[in-house]
Protein backbone atom coordinates (compact mmCIF):
# COMPACT_ATOMS: atom_id res chain seq x y z
CA UNK A 1 -13.15 -81.13 39.91
CA UNK A 2 -13.23 -82.55 36.39
CA UNK A 3 -13.72 -80.03 33.62
CA UNK A 4 -16.64 -80.99 31.42
CA UNK A 5 -15.91 -79.43 28.06
CA UNK A 6 -19.30 -80.39 26.61
CA UNK A 7 -20.94 -78.14 29.19
CA UNK A 8 -18.50 -75.36 28.31
CA UNK A 9 -19.18 -75.73 24.57
CA UNK A 10 -22.90 -75.12 25.09
CA UNK A 11 -22.06 -71.44 25.54
CA UNK A 12 -19.64 -71.07 22.63
CA UNK A 13 -20.54 -70.84 18.96
CA UNK A 14 -17.45 -69.00 17.69
CA UNK A 15 -13.83 -68.63 18.65
CA UNK A 16 -12.38 -65.25 17.77
CA UNK A 17 -8.70 -65.16 16.79
CA UNK A 18 -7.05 -61.99 18.08
CA UNK A 19 -5.66 -59.34 15.75
CA UNK A 20 -2.24 -59.70 17.40
CA UNK A 21 -1.97 -63.22 15.96
CA UNK A 22 -3.32 -62.16 12.57
CA UNK A 23 -0.90 -59.21 12.22
CA UNK A 24 2.12 -61.46 11.70
CA UNK A 25 0.46 -64.41 9.97
CA UNK A 26 2.13 -63.65 6.63
CA UNK A 27 5.60 -62.92 8.03
CA UNK A 28 6.05 -65.25 11.02
CA UNK A 29 5.86 -68.98 10.34
CA UNK A 30 5.31 -69.86 14.01
CA UNK A 31 2.39 -67.42 14.16
CA UNK A 32 0.92 -69.09 11.10
CA UNK A 33 1.18 -72.50 12.82
CA UNK A 34 -0.48 -71.16 15.98
CA UNK A 35 -3.44 -69.78 14.02
CA UNK A 36 -3.71 -73.02 12.05
CA UNK A 37 -3.72 -75.03 15.30
CA UNK A 38 -6.49 -72.82 16.70
CA UNK A 39 -8.59 -73.38 13.56
CA UNK A 40 -8.02 -77.16 13.61
CA UNK A 41 -8.87 -77.37 17.32
CA UNK A 42 -12.03 -75.30 16.80
CA UNK A 43 -13.16 -77.48 13.91
CA UNK A 44 -12.66 -80.62 16.00
CA UNK A 45 -14.92 -79.05 18.65
CA UNK A 46 -17.43 -77.96 15.97
CA UNK A 47 -16.91 -74.28 16.84
CA UNK A 48 -16.60 -71.68 14.07
CA UNK A 49 -13.55 -69.43 13.91
CA UNK A 50 -13.49 -65.71 13.16
CA UNK A 51 -10.26 -63.82 12.50
CA UNK A 52 -10.35 -60.19 13.58
CA UNK A 53 -8.26 -57.28 12.40
CA UNK A 54 -7.46 -58.59 8.92
CA UNK A 55 -5.81 -55.77 6.96
CA UNK A 56 -4.69 -57.19 3.61
CA UNK A 57 -5.56 -59.84 1.05
CA UNK A 58 -2.42 -61.86 1.76
CA UNK A 59 -3.81 -62.46 5.26
CA UNK A 60 -7.24 -63.24 3.77
CA UNK A 61 -5.77 -65.87 1.46
CA UNK A 62 -3.74 -67.50 4.24
CA UNK A 63 -6.79 -67.63 6.50
CA UNK A 64 -8.92 -69.12 3.71
CA UNK A 65 -6.23 -71.77 3.05
CA UNK A 66 -6.08 -72.61 6.76
CA UNK A 67 -9.88 -72.99 6.83
CA UNK A 68 -10.91 -70.02 8.97
CA UNK A 69 -14.70 -69.71 8.82
CA UNK A 70 -15.13 -65.93 9.05
CA UNK A 71 -12.85 -62.97 8.43
CA UNK A 72 -13.36 -59.39 9.55
CA UNK A 73 -11.27 -56.27 9.34
CA UNK A 74 -10.34 -53.11 7.51
CA UNK A 75 -9.50 -55.16 4.40
CA UNK A 76 -13.26 -55.22 3.78
CA UNK A 77 -14.47 -52.03 5.49
CA UNK A 78 -13.94 -49.75 8.43
CA UNK A 79 -16.54 -50.12 11.20
CA UNK A 80 -19.83 -48.58 10.04
CA UNK A 81 -23.14 -47.64 11.64
CA UNK A 82 -25.87 -50.12 10.68
CA UNK A 83 -27.69 -47.65 8.41
CA UNK A 84 -24.52 -46.84 6.44
CA UNK A 85 -23.69 -50.54 6.10
CA UNK A 86 -27.21 -51.24 4.84
CA UNK A 87 -27.00 -48.36 2.34
CA UNK A 88 -23.59 -49.49 1.06
CA UNK A 89 -24.71 -53.10 0.77
CA UNK A 90 -27.91 -52.28 -1.10
CA UNK A 91 -26.12 -49.93 -3.50
CA UNK A 92 -23.27 -52.17 -4.64
């Protein structure tokens, strides 16, 4: 059976990069290259990337330089209930 990636891509709009890869992005060069390859591959498939578990601004800057589309993690906020998030956002 031939894999038809176009069919597969109909169901994907984002590719989430695991925290385990993000944890060492600033200290392990090979990890950095793996994350960069994931981002490049995703862009070639026109799929957005989201890095999860980002904990410091060094990681944020590396991910921005690599071209990661979205970044989430404790560096911005702990997980919040929707009402608390709305309150915090509206009262900046």
